[in-house]
């Protein structure tokens, strides 16, 4: 959940770094599917432009079936309901098979964050 276009682009690059980090790791998570879902609070008239821009930026990097944009009405409400703070950091969320959130990590990839993701995935 970016607070600006610039921040959203930075977070996108961090998530792509996460994807490369996981793929190169020996973690069991390298076999798990990774989905990119930018969460954006934007008025309807601009959503098509945003969607096309994000699709173009993922072209050749992310399979089409592994990315989508979630347009929301209120970032604050989404943040409260998901218990994921808006803080300008990239967020990786572990979602259980029934759709509930197991937990998340924020920021750039690190050994510590990978360990946290592995613990969340095993719960």
C-alpha atoms as a PDB file:
ATOM      1  CA  UNK A   1       0.000   0.000   0.000  1.00  0.00           C
ATOM      2  CA  UNK A   2       1.880   2.971  -1.257  1.00  0.00           C
ATOM      3  CA  UNK A   3       1.174   6.504  -0.184  1.00  0.00           C
ATOM      4  CA  UNK A   4       2.228   7.978  -3.520  1.00  0.00           C
ATOM      5  CA  UNK A   5       3.041   6.899  -7.051  1.00  0.00           C
ATOM      6  CA  UNK A   6       6.771   7.194  -6.350  1.00  0.00           C
ATOM      7  CA  UNK A   7       6.485   5.110  -3.192  1.00  0.00           C
ATOM      8  CA  UNK A   8       4.400   2.501  -5.004  1.00  0.00           C
ATOM      9  CA  UNK A   9       7.108   2.178  -7.649  1.00  0.00           C
ATOM     10  CA  UNK A  10       9.788   1.753  -4.962  1.00  0.00           C
ATOM     11  CA  UNK A  11       7.708  -0.913  -3.213  1.00  0.00           C
ATOM     12  CA  UNK A  12       7.218  -2.704  -6.529  1.00  0.00           C
ATOM     13  CA  UNK A  13      10.999  -2.858  -7.021  1.00  0.00           C
ATOM     14  CA  UNK A  14      11.441  -4.183  -3.479  1.00  0.00           C
ATOM     15  CA  UNK A  15       8.869  -6.913  -4.125  1.00  0.00           C
ATOM     16  CA  UNK A  16      10.679  -7.902  -7.309  1.00  0.00           C
ATOM     17  CA  UNK A  17      13.872  -8.121  -5.224  1.00  0.00           C
ATOM     18  CA  UNK A  18      11.987 -10.383  -2.819  1.00  0.00           C
ATOM     19  CA  UNK A  19      10.908 -12.593  -5.684  1.00  0.00           C
ATOM     20  CA  UNK A  20      14.516 -12.956  -6.899  1.00  0.00           C
ATOM     21  CA  UNK A  21      15.714 -13.553  -3.309  1.00  0.00           C
ATOM     22  CA  UNK A  22      13.180 -16.324  -2.730  1.00  0.00           C
ATOM     23  CA  UNK A  23      13.865 -17.946  -6.091  1.00  0.00           C
ATOM     24  CA  UNK A  24      17.612 -18.055  -5.341  1.00  0.00           C
ATOM     25  CA  UNK A  25      17.136 -19.322  -1.775  1.00  0.00           C
ATOM     26  CA  UNK A  26      17.099 -22.893  -0.506  1.00  0.00           C
ATOM     27  CA  UNK A  27      13.881 -22.185   1.402  1.00  0.00           C
ATOM     28  CA  UNK A  28      10.816 -24.321   0.751  1.00  0.00           C
ATOM     29  CA  UNK A  29       9.076 -21.024  -0.049  1.00  0.00           C
ATOM     30  CA  UNK A  30      10.874 -20.888  -3.395  1.00  0.00           C
ATOM     31  CA  UNK A  31       8.330 -23.480  -4.575  1.00  0.00           C
ATOM     32  CA  UNK A  32       5.325 -21.503  -3.365  1.00  0.00           C
ATOM     33  CA  UNK A  33       3.439 -19.305  -5.830  1.00  0.00           C
ATOM     34  CA  UNK A  34       4.087 -15.585  -5.463  1.00  0.00           C
ATOM     35  CA  UNK A  35       1.396 -13.114  -6.421  1.00  0.00           C
ATOM     36  CA  UNK A  36       1.805  -9.370  -6.859  1.00  0.00           C
ATOM     37  CA  UNK A  37      -1.274  -7.410  -5.767  1.00  0.00           C
ATOM     38  CA  UNK A  38      -0.656  -3.683  -5.525  1.00  0.00           C
ATOM     39  CA  UNK A  39      -3.322  -2.189  -3.245  1.00  0.00           C
ATOM     40  CA  UNK A  40      -4.273   1.271  -4.452  1.00  0.00           C
ATOM     41  CA  UNK A  41      -6.709   3.884  -3.186  1.00  0.00           C
ATOM     42  CA  UNK A  42      -7.577   5.684  -6.438  1.00  0.00           C
ATOM     43  CA  UNK A  43     -10.644   7.272  -8.038  1.00  0.00           C
ATOM     44  CA  UNK A  44     -12.388   5.238 -10.729  1.00  0.00           C
ATOM     45  CA  UNK A  45     -11.546   7.535 -13.636  1.00  0.00           C
ATOM     46  CA  UNK A  46      -7.792   6.865 -13.254  1.00  0.00           C
ATOM     47  CA  UNK A  47      -7.880   3.128 -12.505  1.00  0.00           C
ATOM     48  CA  UNK A  48      -7.478   2.027 -16.131  1.00  0.00           C
ATOM     49  CA  UNK A  49      -4.357   4.145 -16.551  1.00  0.00           C
ATOM     50  CA  UNK A  50      -2.893   2.726 -13.339  1.00  0.00           C
ATOM     51  CA  UNK A  51      -3.746  -0.857 -14.311  1.00  0.00           C
ATOM     52  CA  UNK A  52      -2.099  -0.502 -17.734  1.00  0.00           C
ATOM     53  CA  UNK A  53       0.991   1.161 -16.251  1.00  0.00           C
ATOM     54  CA  UNK A  54       1.474  -1.596 -13.700  1.00  0.00           C
ATOM     55  CA  UNK A  55       0.900  -4.297 -16.321  1.00  0.00           C
ATOM     56  CA  UNK A  56       3.563  -2.711 -18.514  1.00  0.00           C
ATOM     57  CA  UNK A  57       6.044  -2.516 -15.631  1.00  0.00           C
ATOM     58  CA  UNK A  58       5.560  -6.239 -14.874  1.00  0.00           C
ATOM     59  CA  UNK A  59       5.824  -7.269 -18.535  1.00  0.00           C
ATOM     60  CA  UNK A  60       8.419 -10.030 -18.902  1.00  0.00           C
ATOM     61  CA  UNK A  61       8.960 -10.206 -15.126  1.00  0.00           C
ATOM     62  CA  UNK A  62       5.693 -11.546 -13.715  1.00  0.00           C
ATOM     63  CA  UNK A  63       3.270 -13.975 -15.353  1.00  0.00           C
ATOM     64  CA  UNK A  64      -0.093 -12.364 -16.119  1.00  0.00           C
ATOM     65  CA  UNK A  65      -1.893 -14.840 -13.857  1.00  0.00           C
ATOM     66  CA  UNK A  66       0.322 -13.861 -10.908  1.00  0.00           C
ATOM     67  CA  UNK A  67      -0.516 -10.149 -10.770  1.00  0.00           C
ATOM     68  CA  UNK A  68      -3.579  -7.963 -10.334  1.00  0.00           C
ATOM     69  CA  UNK A  69      -4.390  -4.543  -8.932  1.00  0.00           C
ATOM     70  CA  UNK A  70      -6.704  -4.242  -5.935  1.00  0.00           C
ATOM     71  CA  UNK A  71      -8.474  -0.896  -6.082  1.00  0.00           C
ATOM     72  CA  UNK A  72      -9.953   0.080  -2.742  1.00  0.00           C
ATOM     73  CA  UNK A  73     -12.100   2.962  -1.533  1.00  0.00           C
ATOM     74  CA  UNK A  74     -10.163   3.686   1.647  1.00  0.00           C
ATOM     75  CA  UNK A  75      -6.550   2.734   2.317  1.00  0.00           C
ATOM     76  CA  UNK A  76      -7.047   3.580   5.985  1.00  0.00           C
ATOM     77  CA  UNK A  77     -10.018   1.226   6.321  1.00  0.00           C
ATOM     78  CA  UNK A  78      -8.247  -1.540   4.380  1.00  0.00           C
ATOM     79  CA  UNK A  79      -5.218  -1.131   6.630  1.00  0.00           C
ATOM     80  CA  UNK A  80      -7.338  -1.334   9.781  1.00  0.00           C
ATOM     81  CA  UNK A  81      -9.336  -4.370   8.644  1.00  0.00           C
ATOM     82  CA  UNK A  82      -6.288  -6.303   7.439  1.00  0.00           C
ATOM     83  CA  UNK A  83      -4.157  -5.204  10.420  1.00  0.00           C
ATOM     84  CA  UNK A  84      -1.395  -4.278   7.951  1.00  0.00           C
ATOM     85  CA  UNK A  85      -0.032  -0.793   8.647  1.00  0.00           C
ATOM     86  CA  UNK A  86       0.534   1.733   5.883  1.00  0.00           C
ATOM     87  CA  UNK A  87       4.164   2.708   6.304  1.00  0.00           C
ATOM     88  CA  UNK A  88       5.713   3.053   2.844  1.00  0.00           C
ATOM     89  CA  UNK A  89       7.424  -0.355   3.014  1.00  0.00           C
ATOM     90  CA  UNK A  90       6.893  -3.289   0.691  1.00  0.00           C
ATOM     91  CA  UNK A  91       4.770  -5.962   2.378  1.00  0.00           C
ATOM     92  CA  UNK A  92       4.774  -9.721   1.845  1.00  0.00           C
ATOM     93  CA  UNK A  93       1.632 -11.355   3.204  1.00  0.00           C
ATOM     94  CA  UNK A  94       1.184 -15.061   3.910  1.00  0.00           C
ATOM     95  CA  UNK A  95      -2.431 -15.998   3.216  1.00  0.00           C
ATOM     96  CA  UNK A  96      -3.912 -19.292   4.391  1.00  0.00           C
ATOM     97  CA  UNK A  97      -5.768 -21.523   1.929  1.00  0.00           C
ATOM     98  CA  UNK A  98      -9.122 -20.349   3.333  1.00  0.00           C
ATOM     99  CA  UNK A  99      -8.187 -16.701   2.766  1.00  0.00           C
ATOM    100  CA  UNK A 100      -7.248 -15.478   6.238  1.00  0.00           C
ATOM    101  CA  UNK A 101      -3.964 -13.676   6.828  1.00  0.00           C
ATOM    102  CA  UNK A 102      -1.343 -15.726   8.686  1.00  0.00           C
ATOM    103  CA  UNK A 103       0.953 -12.708   8.970  1.00  0.00           C
ATOM    104  CA  UNK A 104       3.305 -10.490   7.025  1.00  0.00           C
ATOM    105  CA  UNK A 105       6.805  -9.061   6.795  1.00  0.00           C
ATOM    106  CA  UNK A 106       7.808  -5.614   5.607  1.00  0.00           C
ATOM    107  CA  UNK A 107      10.830  -4.127   3.899  1.00  0.00           C
ATOM    108  CA  UNK A 108      13.633  -5.502   1.780  1.00  0.00           C
ATOM    109  CA  UNK A 109      14.568  -9.198   1.806  1.00  0.00           C
ATOM    110  CA  UNK A 110      16.729 -10.437   4.657  1.00  0.00           C
ATOM    111  CA  UNK A 111      17.567 -13.717   6.342  1.00  0.00           C
ATOM    112  CA  UNK A 112      15.492 -12.687   9.364  1.00  0.00           C
ATOM    113  CA  UNK A 113      12.438 -11.784   7.267  1.00  0.00           C
ATOM    114  CA  UNK A 114      12.726 -15.030   5.322  1.00  0.00           C
ATOM    115  CA  UNK A 115      12.762 -16.941   8.618  1.00  0.00           C
ATOM    116  CA  UNK A 116       9.630 -15.095   9.716  1.00  0.00           C
ATOM    117  CA  UNK A 117       7.892 -15.948   6.430  1.00  0.00           C
ATOM    118  CA  UNK A 118       8.817 -19.612   6.860  1.00  0.00           C
ATOM    119  CA  UNK A 119       7.357 -19.638  10.383  1.00  0.00           C
ATOM    120  CA  UNK A 120       4.161 -17.986   9.163  1.00  0.00           C
ATOM    121  CA  UNK A 121       3.873 -20.460   6.293  1.00  0.00           C
ATOM    122  CA  UNK A 122       4.157 -23.399   8.681  1.00  0.00           C
ATOM    123  CA  UNK A 123       1.331 -22.170  10.936  1.00  0.00           C
END
